[in-house]
Protein backbone atom coordinates (compact mmCIF):
# COMPACT_ATOMS: atom_id res chain seq x y z
CA MET A 1 79.79 -18.97 103.77
CA LYS A 2 78.08 -20.50 106.83
CA ILE A 3 79.87 -23.81 106.22
CA ILE A 4 83.24 -22.04 105.95
CA TYR A 5 82.49 -20.08 109.13
CA LYS A 6 81.63 -23.29 111.01
CA LEU A 7 84.79 -25.01 109.77
CA CYS A 8 86.90 -22.06 110.91
CA CYS A 9 85.28 -22.19 114.35
CA ILE A 10 85.99 -25.92 114.62
CA ILE A 11 89.64 -25.39 113.64
CA ILE A 12 90.02 -22.60 116.20
CA LEU A 13 88.43 -24.69 118.95
CA LEU A 14 90.67 -27.65 118.12
CA ALA A 15 93.73 -25.41 118.25
CA ILE A 16 92.66 -24.02 121.63
CA TYR A 17 91.97 -27.53 122.92
CA ASN A 18 95.29 -28.94 121.73
CA HIS A 19 97.21 -25.99 123.13
CA GLY A 20 95.49 -25.84 126.46
CA PHE A 21 95.28 -29.58 127.10
CA ALA A 22 98.61 -30.86 125.80
CA GLN A 23 100.43 -33.51 127.80
CA LYS A 24 103.22 -32.09 129.90
CA ALA A 25 105.85 -32.74 132.52
CA THR A 26 105.99 -30.20 135.34
CA ASP A 27 107.87 -29.73 138.65
CA TYR A 28 111.01 -30.83 136.84
CA THR A 29 114.14 -31.34 138.96
CA LEU A 30 117.54 -32.67 137.89
CA ASP A 31 120.16 -33.65 140.47
CA ILE A 32 123.42 -34.34 138.62
CA SER A 33 126.50 -35.72 140.33
CA LYS A 34 130.10 -36.22 139.18
CA ILE A 35 131.15 -37.42 142.63
CA ASN A 36 132.88 -40.82 142.35
CA GLN A 37 132.07 -40.86 138.63
CA SER A 38 134.73 -41.55 135.99
CA GLU A 39 135.14 -39.47 132.82
CA ALA A 40 132.08 -39.36 130.56
CA ASN A 41 129.82 -40.59 133.36
CA LEU A 42 127.12 -38.95 135.47
CA HIS A 43 124.79 -40.12 138.18
CA ILE A 44 121.40 -38.47 137.73
CA VAL A 45 118.27 -38.31 139.83
CA CYS A 46 115.36 -36.85 137.91
CA SER A 47 111.86 -36.10 139.16
CA PHE A 48 108.83 -34.57 137.48
CA THR A 49 105.06 -34.72 137.43
CA ILE A 50 103.25 -36.10 134.39
CA ASP A 51 99.89 -34.76 133.32
CA PHE A 52 98.48 -37.35 130.90
CA GLN A 53 95.44 -35.18 130.12
CA ALA A 54 93.02 -37.31 128.07
CA ARG A 55 95.62 -39.81 126.88
CA ASP A 56 96.75 -43.10 128.37
CA SER A 57 100.48 -42.74 127.77
CA LEU A 58 103.27 -40.18 127.41
CA SER A 59 106.45 -40.68 125.36
CA MET A 60 109.69 -38.83 126.18
CA ARG A 61 113.07 -38.87 124.45
CA PHE A 62 115.67 -40.56 126.64
CA GLY A 63 119.05 -42.21 126.09
CA GLY A 64 121.85 -42.28 123.56
CA ASN A 65 123.91 -45.11 122.14
CA ASN A 66 121.85 -48.05 123.31
CA THR A 67 124.91 -50.22 124.01
CA PHE A 68 126.19 -48.11 126.89
CA SER A 69 124.27 -44.91 127.61
CA ILE A 70 121.99 -45.85 130.54
CA ASP A 71 122.79 -48.20 133.41
CA ASN A 72 121.15 -48.99 136.74
CA LEU A 73 117.85 -47.39 135.77
CA ASP A 74 115.64 -47.30 138.86
CA ILE A 75 112.04 -46.09 138.57
CA PRO A 76 109.83 -47.23 141.43
CA GLU A 77 106.52 -48.28 139.96
CA ASP A 78 103.30 -48.12 141.89
CA SER A 79 99.60 -48.30 141.14
CA LEU A 80 99.66 -44.89 139.39
CA PHE A 81 101.71 -45.70 136.30
CA LYS A 82 103.84 -48.22 134.40
CA TYR A 83 106.76 -47.49 132.10
CA GLN A 84 108.62 -48.99 129.17
CA TYR A 85 112.17 -47.92 128.23
CA ASN A 86 113.13 -48.53 124.60
CA PRO A 87 116.93 -48.13 124.14
CA ALA A 88 116.89 -48.58 120.37
CA SER A 89 114.39 -45.78 119.80
CA GLN A 90 115.74 -43.62 122.65
CA THR A 91 112.33 -43.28 124.24
CA ILE A 92 110.73 -43.95 127.58
CA VAL A 93 106.96 -44.34 127.61
CA PHE A 94 104.88 -43.87 130.76
CA HIS A 95 101.47 -45.54 130.88
CA LYS A 96 98.61 -44.28 133.02
CA THR A 97 96.88 -46.80 135.25
CA LYS A 98 94.66 -44.57 137.39
CA ASN A 99 95.13 -40.86 137.88
CA LYS A 100 95.92 -38.53 135.01
CA VAL A 101 98.47 -36.61 137.13
CA VAL A 102 101.30 -38.68 138.64
CA PRO A 103 104.73 -37.98 140.17
CA VAL A 104 107.77 -39.77 138.74
CA LYS A 105 111.23 -40.13 140.28
CA MET A 106 114.02 -41.93 138.47
CA ALA A 107 117.72 -42.54 139.09
CA TYR A 108 120.33 -43.84 136.67
CA ASP A 109 123.95 -43.70 135.55
CA TYR A 110 124.63 -42.16 132.14
CA THR A 111 127.67 -42.74 129.94
CA ASN A 112 128.31 -40.43 126.99
CA LEU A 113 131.62 -41.23 125.31
CA SER A 114 131.24 -38.35 122.85
CA ALA A 115 131.39 -35.99 125.84
CA PHE A 116 134.81 -37.51 126.53
CA PHE A 117 136.47 -38.23 123.19
CA ILE A 118 135.07 -35.41 121.05
CA TYR A 119 136.08 -32.66 123.42
CA GLY A 120 139.57 -33.72 124.42
CA GLU A 121 139.57 -36.89 126.50
CA GLY A 122 138.62 -35.54 129.88
CA ARG A 123 140.02 -32.00 130.14
CA ALA A 124 136.54 -30.90 129.16
CA GLU A 125 133.30 -32.85 129.11
CA ILE A 126 130.49 -31.10 127.30
CA TRP A 127 127.04 -32.53 127.90
CA GLU A 128 124.35 -31.61 125.39
CA THR A 129 121.21 -33.10 123.91
CA SER A 130 122.52 -32.80 120.35
CA PHE A 131 123.82 -35.82 118.42
CA ASN A 132 120.96 -37.98 119.70
CA GLU A 133 122.13 -37.94 123.31
CA TYR A 134 119.16 -37.33 125.60
CA TYR A 135 120.86 -37.64 128.98
CA TYR A 136 117.64 -36.65 130.75
CA PRO A 137 114.05 -37.47 129.66
CA CYS A 138 112.25 -34.68 127.84
CA ILE A 139 109.45 -33.87 125.43
CA PRO A 140 111.35 -31.95 122.72
CA ASN A 141 110.21 -28.50 121.61
CA THR A 142 108.09 -27.90 124.68
CA CYS A 143 108.91 -25.57 127.57
CA ILE A 144 109.47 -26.61 131.17
CA ASP A 145 110.25 -25.10 134.55
CA LEU A 146 113.51 -26.64 135.70
CA HIS A 147 115.36 -26.88 139.01
CA LEU A 148 118.96 -27.96 138.47
CA ASN A 149 121.46 -29.10 141.09
CA ILE A 150 125.00 -30.12 140.14
CA GLU A 151 127.65 -31.61 142.40
CA VAL A 152 131.27 -32.06 141.28
CA PRO A 153 134.64 -32.90 142.84
CA ALA A 154 136.76 -29.92 143.88
CA SER A 155 139.03 -30.53 140.88
CA LEU A 156 136.27 -29.64 138.40
CA GLU A 157 134.47 -26.44 137.44
CA THR A 158 131.00 -26.30 135.91
CA ILE A 159 130.01 -24.08 132.99
CA CYS A 160 126.29 -24.08 132.31
CA SER A 161 124.26 -23.08 129.29
CA TYR A 162 121.99 -21.06 131.56
CA PRO A 163 122.73 -18.73 134.50
CA ILE A 164 123.95 -20.91 137.33
CA GLU A 165 124.59 -20.01 140.96
CA THR A 166 127.74 -21.23 142.66
CA ILE A 167 126.71 -22.57 146.07
CA SER A 168 130.21 -23.77 146.97
CA SER A 169 133.37 -24.93 145.20
CA THR A 170 131.61 -28.23 144.49
CA GLN A 171 127.90 -27.34 144.25
CA TYR A 172 125.89 -25.39 141.69
CA HIS A 173 122.20 -24.56 141.35
CA CYS A 174 119.78 -22.76 139.06
CA ASP A 175 116.03 -22.32 138.74
CA LEU A 176 114.71 -21.78 135.25
CA ASN A 177 111.23 -20.92 134.04
CA ARG A 178 109.85 -21.75 130.61
CA VAL A 179 113.05 -23.07 129.03
CA LEU A 180 113.14 -25.25 125.95
CA SER A 181 113.06 -28.76 127.38
CA GLN A 182 115.98 -30.17 125.36
CA SER A 183 118.24 -27.13 125.67
CA LEU A 184 120.09 -27.76 128.94
CA ASN A 185 123.81 -27.95 128.13
CA PHE A 186 126.77 -27.72 130.46
CA ALA A 187 130.46 -28.55 130.68
CA PHE A 188 132.84 -29.86 133.30
CA ILE A 189 136.44 -28.74 132.98
CA GLN A 190 139.56 -29.69 134.91
CA LYS A 191 140.55 -26.57 136.81
CA ASN A 192 144.27 -27.26 136.63
CA ALA A 193 144.09 -27.74 132.86
CA TYR A 194 142.59 -24.32 132.07
CA ILE A 195 143.50 -20.64 132.13
CA HIS A 196 140.43 -18.46 132.76
CA THR A 197 140.44 -14.79 131.75
CA ILE A 198 137.66 -12.23 132.14
CA GLU A 199 137.23 -9.23 129.85
CA GLU A 200 134.92 -6.22 129.69
CA ILE A 201 134.32 -5.28 126.05
CA PRO A 202 132.29 -3.33 127.42
CA TYR A 203 130.26 -6.31 128.65
CA ARG A 204 131.75 -9.23 130.56
CA MET A 205 133.18 -12.08 128.52
CA ASP A 206 134.79 -15.22 129.99
CA ILE A 207 137.43 -17.11 128.05
CA TYR A 208 138.71 -20.57 129.03
CA GLN A 209 141.88 -21.71 127.25
CA ILE A 210 143.90 -24.88 127.77
CA SER A 211 147.06 -24.13 129.70
CA GLY A 212 150.11 -24.28 127.46
CA MET A 213 148.03 -23.97 124.29
CA GLN A 214 146.82 -20.37 124.62
CA CYS A 215 146.68 -18.13 121.59
CA ASN A 216 148.94 -15.09 121.16
CA LYS A 217 147.86 -11.57 122.09
CA ALA A 218 146.94 -10.58 118.53
CA ARG A 219 144.53 -13.51 118.19
CA TYR A 220 143.12 -12.88 121.67
CA ASP A 221 142.46 -9.22 120.82
CA GLU A 222 140.90 -10.30 117.52
CA LEU A 223 138.44 -12.51 119.41
CA LEU A 224 137.40 -9.59 121.61
CA GLU A 225 137.05 -7.29 118.61
CA LEU A 226 135.03 -9.70 116.45
CA THR A 227 132.79 -10.74 119.34
CA GLN A 228 131.84 -7.17 120.15
CA ALA A 229 131.38 -6.19 116.50
CA SER A 230 129.34 -9.26 115.50
CA VAL A 231 127.09 -9.15 118.58
CA SER A 232 126.35 -5.51 117.76
CA TYR A 233 125.73 -6.26 114.07
CA PHE A 234 123.47 -9.27 114.57
CA SER A 235 121.54 -7.56 117.37
CA GLU A 236 120.73 -4.69 115.01
CA ILE A 237 120.00 -6.87 111.97
CA TYR A 238 117.57 -9.14 113.83
CA GLY A 239 116.11 -6.39 116.01
CA ASP A 240 116.81 -8.58 119.01
CA SER A 241 119.61 -8.11 121.54
CA TYR A 242 122.01 -10.95 122.29
CA LEU A 243 120.73 -10.87 125.86
CA SER A 244 117.17 -12.18 125.99
CA ALA A 245 114.98 -12.65 129.03
CA PRO A 246 112.38 -14.73 127.10
CA ARG A 247 115.12 -17.12 125.93
CA ARG A 248 116.83 -17.10 129.35
CA ILE A 249 120.07 -15.69 127.93
CA SER A 250 121.41 -13.40 130.62
CA SER A 251 125.12 -13.26 129.80
CA TYR A 252 127.30 -12.73 126.75
CA PRO A 253 129.07 -15.73 125.22
CA ILE A 254 131.58 -17.69 127.26
CA PHE A 255 134.31 -19.22 125.10
CA LEU A 256 135.42 -22.69 126.14
CA PHE A 257 138.29 -24.05 124.04
CA HIS A 258 138.87 -27.80 124.09
CA ASP A 259 141.43 -30.25 122.74
CA GLY A 260 139.03 -32.27 120.65
CA LYS A 261 140.34 -33.66 117.39
CA GLY A 262 138.66 -32.82 114.10
CA PHE A 263 135.45 -31.57 115.65
CA SER A 264 133.39 -28.57 114.68
CA ASN A 265 132.61 -25.59 116.87
CA ARG A 266 129.36 -25.52 118.85
CA TYR A 267 127.00 -22.88 120.15
CA ASN A 268 125.59 -24.04 123.49
CA ILE A 269 123.33 -21.09 124.43
CA GLY A 270 125.45 -19.80 127.30
CA PHE A 271 128.82 -20.81 125.96
CA ILE A 272 130.62 -21.47 122.69
CA SER A 273 132.89 -24.50 122.50
CA ALA A 274 135.67 -24.64 119.92
CA SER A 275 139.01 -26.25 119.18
CA GLN A 276 141.90 -24.65 121.06
CA GLU A 277 144.36 -25.67 118.35
CA LYS A 278 142.28 -24.15 115.56
CA PHE A 279 141.68 -20.97 117.56
CA SER A 280 145.39 -20.53 118.23
CA THR A 281 146.78 -21.46 114.82
CA TYR A 282 144.23 -21.07 112.00
CA PRO A 283 144.53 -18.13 109.57
CA ASN A 284 141.25 -16.61 110.78
CA ILE A 285 138.57 -17.13 113.42
CA TYR A 286 135.54 -16.29 111.28
CA PRO A 287 133.89 -19.62 112.26
CA LEU A 288 133.51 -18.26 115.79
CA VAL A 289 131.37 -15.44 114.36
CA HIS A 290 129.20 -18.17 112.84
CA GLU A 291 128.73 -19.64 116.34
CA ILE A 292 127.78 -16.23 117.74
CA GLY A 293 125.21 -15.97 114.94
CA HIS A 294 123.58 -19.17 116.18
CA ARG A 295 122.23 -17.14 119.08
CA TRP A 296 119.60 -16.08 116.50
CA LEU A 297 119.65 -18.67 113.71
CA GLY A 298 120.19 -21.94 115.53
CA GLU A 299 118.67 -25.16 116.77
CA TRP A 300 117.44 -23.56 120.00
CA THR A 301 115.48 -20.84 118.14
CA LEU A 302 114.51 -22.27 114.74
CA LEU A 303 112.84 -25.49 115.81
CA ILE A 304 113.07 -27.67 112.72
CA ASP A 305 113.77 -31.30 113.59
CA ASP A 306 116.58 -33.41 112.22
CA GLY A 307 115.10 -35.56 109.49
CA GLU A 308 112.82 -32.80 108.24
CA PRO A 309 113.30 -31.74 104.60
CA GLY A 310 115.87 -28.96 104.29
CA ALA A 311 116.57 -28.94 108.04
CA TYR A 312 120.21 -27.93 107.72
CA PHE A 313 119.67 -25.25 105.13
CA ILE A 314 117.54 -23.60 107.82
CA LYS A 315 119.86 -24.38 110.75
CA GLU A 316 123.23 -23.79 109.07
CA SER A 317 123.18 -22.34 105.55
CA LEU A 318 121.18 -19.27 106.54
CA ASN A 319 123.52 -18.58 109.45
CA GLU A 320 126.65 -19.08 107.36
CA PHE A 321 125.35 -16.58 104.81
CA MET A 322 124.58 -14.07 107.56
CA THR A 323 128.09 -14.61 108.93
CA LEU A 324 129.39 -13.63 105.50
CA MET A 325 127.12 -10.60 105.57
CA PHE A 326 128.76 -9.49 108.81
CA LEU A 327 132.23 -9.98 107.31
CA ARG A 328 131.16 -7.99 104.25
CA HIS A 329 129.87 -5.22 106.52
CA TYR A 330 132.93 -5.22 108.80
CA TYR A 331 135.84 -5.88 106.43
CA GLY A 332 134.41 -4.82 103.08
CA GLU A 333 133.43 -6.20 99.71
CA LYS A 334 136.92 -7.39 98.76
CA LEU A 335 137.19 -9.92 101.59
CA TYR A 336 133.60 -11.00 101.06
CA ARG A 337 134.19 -11.68 97.36
CA SER A 338 137.35 -13.66 98.12
CA LEU A 339 135.41 -15.87 100.53
CA ILE A 340 132.53 -16.37 98.10
CA GLU A 341 135.02 -17.42 95.42
CA LYS A 342 136.47 -20.02 97.79
CA TYR A 343 132.96 -21.33 98.46
CA ALA A 344 132.38 -21.53 94.71
CA GLN A 345 135.61 -23.47 94.20
CA GLU A 346 134.60 -25.98 96.86
CA TYR A 347 131.17 -26.39 95.33
CA LEU A 348 132.55 -26.84 91.79
CA GLN A 349 134.33 -29.99 92.99
CA ILE A 350 130.98 -31.75 93.44
CA LYS A 351 128.76 -29.81 91.01
CA ASP A 352 126.58 -32.12 88.88
CA THR A 353 127.77 -35.20 90.78
CA PRO A 354 125.57 -37.43 92.97
CA GLN A 355 126.83 -35.38 95.95
CA ASP A 356 125.20 -32.25 94.51
CA GLU A 357 121.91 -32.82 96.23
CA PRO A 358 118.96 -30.42 96.56
CA PHE A 359 118.86 -28.52 99.85
CA ILE A 360 115.62 -30.24 100.75
CA ASN A 361 117.51 -33.56 100.94
CA ILE A 362 119.91 -32.35 103.64
CA VAL A 363 118.14 -33.55 106.76
CA GLU A 364 121.21 -34.22 108.95
CA ASN A 365 124.35 -32.19 109.56
CA ASN A 366 127.33 -33.84 107.93
CA ASN A 367 129.38 -30.63 107.70
CA ASN A 368 129.13 -31.01 103.97
CA ILE A 369 129.71 -28.78 100.97
CA ILE A 370 125.98 -28.44 100.23
CA VAL A 371 125.24 -26.90 103.64
CA TYR A 372 128.30 -24.72 104.18
CA ASN A 373 129.42 -23.84 100.65
CA LYS A 374 126.60 -24.22 98.15
CA GLY A 375 124.01 -22.83 100.57
CA PRO A 376 125.69 -19.43 101.13
CA LEU A 377 126.73 -19.35 97.46
CA VAL A 378 123.14 -19.75 96.27
CA LEU A 379 121.97 -17.10 98.72
CA ASP A 380 124.62 -14.80 97.27
CA TRP A 381 123.23 -15.42 93.78
CA ILE A 382 119.74 -14.55 95.04
CA ALA A 383 121.07 -11.44 96.80
CA GLN A 384 122.60 -10.26 93.55
CA GLU A 385 119.12 -10.38 92.04
CA ILE A 386 117.00 -8.88 94.84
CA GLY A 387 119.65 -6.88 96.72
CA TYR A 388 121.79 -7.83 99.71
CA GLU A 389 119.94 -5.51 102.08
CA ASN A 390 116.59 -6.91 100.96
CA LEU A 391 117.67 -10.51 101.49
CA THR A 392 119.13 -9.84 104.95
CA LYS A 393 115.88 -8.08 105.89
CA THR A 394 113.88 -11.11 104.74
CA ILE A 395 116.07 -13.54 106.69
CA SER A 396 115.68 -11.27 109.73
CA GLN A 397 111.91 -11.31 109.26
CA PHE A 398 112.00 -15.11 108.98
CA TYR A 399 113.80 -15.26 112.34
CA ARG A 400 111.43 -12.86 114.07
CA GLU A 401 108.31 -14.63 112.80
CA ASN A 402 109.48 -18.18 113.53
CA ALA A 403 111.87 -18.11 116.49
CA GLY A 404 110.70 -20.55 119.13
CA LYS A 405 107.68 -21.71 117.14
CA TYR A 406 107.15 -25.38 116.47
CA PRO A 407 106.92 -27.00 114.01
CA LEU A 408 109.02 -25.14 111.44
CA ARG A 409 109.39 -26.23 107.81
CA TYR A 410 111.77 -25.46 104.95
CA SER A 411 108.68 -24.52 102.96
CA ASP A 412 107.99 -21.69 105.45
CA LEU A 413 111.09 -19.88 104.17
CA ILE A 414 110.10 -20.42 100.53
CA LYS A 415 106.60 -19.11 101.22
CA LEU A 416 108.00 -15.96 102.82
CA LEU A 417 110.34 -15.33 99.89
CA ASN A 418 107.55 -15.87 97.37
CA LYS A 419 105.22 -13.59 99.31
CA THR A 420 107.83 -10.84 99.67
CA TYR A 421 109.11 -11.04 96.07
CA PRO A 422 106.25 -12.50 93.98
CA ASP A 423 108.00 -11.59 90.73
CA LYS A 424 111.02 -13.74 91.67
CA LYS A 425 109.27 -17.07 92.19
CA ALA A 426 111.05 -18.61 89.22
CA LEU A 427 114.38 -17.55 90.74
CA PHE A 428 113.61 -19.21 94.07
CA GLU A 429 112.33 -22.33 92.33
CA LYS A 430 115.55 -22.55 90.32
CA TYR A 431 117.93 -22.20 93.24
CA LEU A 432 116.01 -23.42 96.32
């Protein structure tokens, strides 16, 4: 018993040490300019203070496609540190030479062609750290205090993933405390290309549609109705309001519709980006409910890294199933069953083929049938065994226990299911 007690004390002390003395970047400021910059390009000045603690170096994620992402990188070196930028691995490593605390200031030009082509060739540029584009250096899954300044030509408007203050028609600013380091997303849109409407439903909601491609009134009203209903449903299910001071979410979703071709919708914390054509013409807009659901079950809350076993069952399959649970609640069992049958038909096309992989193998998001069809279908099978209300409660518990915690593993969900329903372990082993 004494040995066990001593081991526990050592583990606790190590945890306290690692938590209290982790390397970090503080006093973080980003000055972003679109002045005299062509589409898909930014000029960025970034400054922060590195605390090396007891280590000799600090690695940060930085860069995108190594053939064109970063140009004119300027980091004045002095006697306090050295650095090494590795384009292929998208990292920049700072090496300590003397002091453990050193200031860093860097300037560079960043090109992100996905911000241009994916979202409609210039009418909207959406800058995000997804898809392996780290347009500013960061230590992922840590929290930082951030001072952001953005300058744009008068022809552009800025939409930010966090509350942003308009200083003038060309300047924006925000100060953020304890935000997830990789979570800063924003968009630039051409003012003359967009129609902006503001609704109170009863809360404020901003909608940006491409001029000449707007949806009809029935679809517009449907968006308002489903947004209000799904926000209310998910807030109750997860026991956590859409608005969240700890997560720096101070406004309801802004919808930004773009003219990108063949690209999926995205939840960007403060705004949801989606195809204007699909929104205006598709038979339903249920996928937008899925994006609203990512406020709770998404990459900014459930911190499981790409490449980790089962990453996209956690990031996407759970949320798609909960989207279906909202539709079942709002429209009824008949619609829900019809959707589940469609998912089953899609899955049957690949069942027992090499494409029918275990969930644990899905470590990247390829918008595939396993993630978006088989995943919700399997969860439906489990719900039929343990009860739909019970499964939604367990998924809600999984969110509440793990939101914002790092690292997260696929096995954490399995452990919770086994603990909650010990007599169903064989069921979970069979399906998950």
